[in-house]
Protein backbone atom coordinates (compact mmCIF):
# COMPACT_ATOMS: atom_id res chain seq x y z
CA MET A 1 71.45 31.30 78.21
CA GLU A 2 69.67 34.46 79.33
CA SER A 3 70.54 33.85 83.00
CA THR A 4 74.24 33.46 82.06
CA PHE A 5 74.07 36.77 80.20
CA LEU A 6 72.36 38.46 83.18
CA SER A 7 74.96 37.00 85.53
CA LEU A 8 77.73 38.36 83.34
CA VAL A 9 76.08 41.79 83.26
CA HIS A 10 75.74 41.71 87.05
CA VAL A 11 79.43 40.80 87.45
CA ILE A 12 80.43 43.67 85.15
CA GLU A 13 78.18 46.11 87.02
CA GLN A 14 79.65 45.03 90.36
CA PHE A 15 83.18 45.35 88.97
CA LEU A 16 82.52 48.89 87.72
CA TYR A 17 80.86 49.82 91.03
CA HIS A 18 83.92 48.65 92.95
CA VAL A 19 86.29 50.48 90.58
CA ALA A 20 84.31 53.71 90.95
CA SER A 21 84.06 53.26 94.72
CA SER A 22 87.81 52.70 94.98
CA LEU A 23 88.35 56.05 93.27
CA TYR A 24 86.29 57.86 95.91
CA PHE A 25 89.12 58.84 98.26
CA PRO A 26 91.70 59.64 95.55
CA VAL A 27 89.22 61.88 93.73
CA ILE A 28 87.97 63.68 96.84
CA GLY A 29 91.55 64.04 98.13
CA THR A 30 92.80 65.38 94.81
CA CYS A 31 89.86 67.79 94.67
CA ALA A 32 90.86 69.08 98.11
CA LEU A 33 94.50 69.43 97.04
CA LEU A 34 93.42 71.27 93.90
CA THR A 35 91.39 73.68 96.01
CA PHE A 36 94.43 74.32 98.19
CA TYR A 37 96.64 74.80 95.11
CA VAL A 38 94.22 77.28 93.52
CA THR A 39 94.02 79.23 96.76
CA LEU A 40 97.82 79.44 96.88
CA SER A 41 97.97 80.36 93.20
CA PHE A 42 95.52 83.19 93.75
CA GLY A 43 97.62 84.45 96.65
CA PHE A 44 100.75 84.31 94.47
CA LEU A 45 98.89 86.20 91.75
CA LEU A 46 98.05 88.99 94.18
CA ARG A 47 101.64 89.11 95.43
CA ASP A 48 103.00 89.14 91.88
CA ALA A 49 100.61 91.95 90.94
CA TRP A 50 101.86 93.96 93.92
CA ASP A 51 105.51 93.24 93.04
CA ARG A 52 104.99 94.12 89.36
CA LYS A 53 103.38 97.41 90.34
CA ARG A 54 106.24 98.34 92.66
CA HIS A 55 109.31 96.86 90.93
CA GLY A 56 108.31 95.94 87.37
CA ALA A 57 108.22 92.55 85.72
CA PRO A 58 110.63 90.05 87.32
CA ALA A 59 110.95 88.01 84.11
CA LEU A 60 111.94 91.13 82.20
CA GLN A 61 114.50 92.09 84.85
CA LEU A 62 116.03 88.61 84.72
CA PHE A 63 116.11 88.79 80.92
CA ARG A 64 117.97 92.12 81.08
CA VAL A 65 120.57 90.57 83.41
CA GLU A 66 121.05 87.61 81.06
CA VAL A 67 121.35 89.92 78.04
CA ALA A 68 123.96 92.00 79.88
CA ALA A 69 125.93 88.82 80.61
CA LYS A 70 125.85 87.84 76.93
CA LEU A 71 126.98 91.33 75.91
CA ALA A 72 129.87 91.22 78.36
CA ARG A 73 131.10 87.84 77.14
CA ASP A 74 131.06 87.77 73.39
CA LEU A 75 129.54 89.87 70.61
CA GLU A 76 130.07 87.22 67.95
CA HIS A 77 126.74 85.80 66.72
CA LEU A 78 124.99 88.01 69.27
CA ASP A 79 121.71 88.00 67.36
CA ALA A 80 121.51 84.19 67.39
CA ARG A 81 122.47 84.00 71.07
CA LEU A 82 119.88 86.60 72.04
CA GLU A 83 117.20 84.87 69.95
CA ARG A 84 117.97 81.61 71.76
CA LEU A 85 117.77 83.39 75.12
CA LEU A 86 114.45 84.94 74.12
CA GLN A 87 113.03 81.55 73.12
CA LYS A 88 114.26 80.02 76.38
CA SER A 89 112.55 82.77 78.38
CA GLU A 90 109.30 82.34 76.45
CA LEU A 91 109.37 78.59 77.07
CA GLU A 92 109.91 79.04 80.81
CA MET A 93 106.97 81.45 81.03
CA ALA A 94 104.77 79.05 79.06
CA LYS A 95 105.66 76.19 81.42
CA LYS A 96 104.48 78.24 84.38
CA LEU A 97 101.17 78.88 82.62
CA ASP A 98 100.73 75.18 81.89
CA ARG A 99 100.21 74.41 85.58
CA VAL A 100 97.26 76.78 85.81
CA ARG A 101 95.87 75.59 82.47
CA PHE A 102 96.00 72.05 83.86
CA VAL A 103 93.73 73.08 86.74
CA ILE A 104 91.28 74.74 84.33
CA LYS A 105 90.71 71.35 82.67
CA VAL A 106 91.15 68.96 85.58
CA GLY A 107 89.18 70.88 88.25
CA PRO A 108 85.75 70.49 86.67
CA ALA A 109 86.49 66.88 85.65
CA LEU A 110 87.43 65.99 89.22
CA GLY A 111 84.35 67.85 90.46
CA LEU A 112 82.17 65.74 88.17
CA MET A 113 83.85 62.52 89.27
CA GLY A 114 83.55 63.69 92.88
CA THR A 115 79.83 64.12 92.24
CA LEU A 116 79.04 60.89 90.45
CA ILE A 117 81.01 58.52 92.68
CA PRO A 118 79.29 59.60 95.93
CA MET A 119 75.93 59.59 94.14
CA GLY A 120 76.48 55.92 93.30
CA ILE A 121 77.35 55.25 96.94
CA SER A 122 74.28 57.28 97.95
CA LEU A 123 71.97 55.24 95.74
CA SER A 124 73.44 52.05 97.14
CA ALA A 125 72.82 53.34 100.68
CA LEU A 126 69.27 54.27 99.73
CA ALA A 127 68.68 50.74 98.45
CA GLU A 128 69.88 49.43 101.83
CA GLY A 129 67.66 51.92 103.68
CA ASN A 130 70.64 53.74 105.20
CA ILE A 131 69.34 57.31 104.92
CA PRO A 132 72.12 59.00 106.99
CA LYS A 133 74.81 57.47 104.75
CA MET A 134 72.84 58.51 101.69
CA ALA A 135 72.56 62.10 102.93
CA GLY A 136 76.26 62.27 103.76
CA SER A 137 77.21 61.01 100.30
CA MET A 138 74.93 63.55 98.63
CA VAL A 139 76.53 66.40 100.60
CA THR A 140 79.96 65.19 99.50
CA ALA A 141 78.74 64.93 95.90
CA PHE A 142 77.50 68.50 95.71
CA THR A 143 80.48 69.88 97.61
CA ALA A 144 82.85 68.21 95.13
CA THR A 145 80.93 69.77 92.26
CA VAL A 146 81.23 73.25 93.71
CA ALA A 147 84.92 72.77 94.55
CA GLY A 148 85.81 71.42 91.10
CA LEU A 149 83.94 74.11 89.21
CA GLY A 150 85.25 76.82 91.54
CA CYS A 151 88.83 75.66 90.98
CA GLY A 152 88.31 75.76 87.23
CA VAL A 153 86.82 79.26 87.27
CA ILE A 154 89.46 80.75 89.56
CA ALA A 155 92.26 79.04 87.61
CA TYR A 156 90.80 80.50 84.40
CA LEU A 157 90.84 84.01 85.87
CA ILE A 158 94.41 83.50 87.09
CA ALA A 159 95.44 82.27 83.65
CA LEU A 160 93.87 85.29 81.94
CA LYS A 161 95.90 87.71 84.03
CA ARG A 162 99.12 85.71 83.82
CA GLU A 163 98.79 85.32 80.04
CA LYS A 164 98.38 89.08 79.72
CA TRP A 165 101.57 89.59 81.74
CA VAL A 166 103.42 87.01 79.65
CA ARG A 167 102.39 88.71 76.41
CA GLU A 168 103.54 92.09 77.76
CA ASP A 169 106.84 90.66 79.00
CA ILE A 170 107.55 88.87 75.73
CA ARG A 171 106.77 92.00 73.74
CA GLU A 172 109.26 93.97 75.86
CA MET A 173 111.86 91.20 75.62
CA GLU A 174 111.53 91.13 71.85
CA PHE A 175 111.91 94.91 71.69
CA LEU A 176 114.95 94.81 73.96
CA THR A 177 116.51 92.01 71.91
CA GLU A 178 115.97 93.89 68.66
CA MET A 179 117.44 97.11 70.06
CA VAL A 180 120.50 95.33 71.47
CA VAL A 181 121.11 93.59 68.14
CA ARG A 182 120.83 96.91 66.29
CA THR A 183 122.83 99.08 68.68
CA GLY A 184 125.04 96.62 70.54
CA LYS A 185 124.01 98.34 73.82
CA LEU A 186 121.67 97.28 76.58
CA ASP A 187 120.63 100.72 77.80
CA VAL A 188 118.08 101.83 75.23
CA GLU A 189 115.09 104.11 75.59
CA ASN A 190 111.62 102.62 75.03
């Protein structure tokens, strides 16, 4: 009875080892893609900061154009139409933030998986006496940890700045909407 139980435990352990090992390349590959994505996102953040400094907020400029189009078409139920436009703009900005928020959560999780999977492979190599394979797996494990945590930290910093911009833009959009509803004109002083 005990040997049957031990055999079952061994089968389960082998199954889990093979599942974890099969995730090795997808996890490491996704970690690399996430690192590339965060690098691009940081570059876009810098470009957006430069553009905002020189030309103002693009979302706010687009909102002004859409408000002008609504004013030119029909003044009936203008307040409801502008409120709907404001909500649509807020939703679009939130969707853009969701991508970066995703990386904040997934980066460290992938880094941890990218650590534990190669460590299992490393221990297996150690048991076989294959020291070079063990060393290579350990390097991959620690590199994945650094990459995953680094992606999470950089994505968090990107999200902080982008959320600040979104709050500023929404505040200005709400002000613009309120002034247009009150005056019926787009060109209002701040």
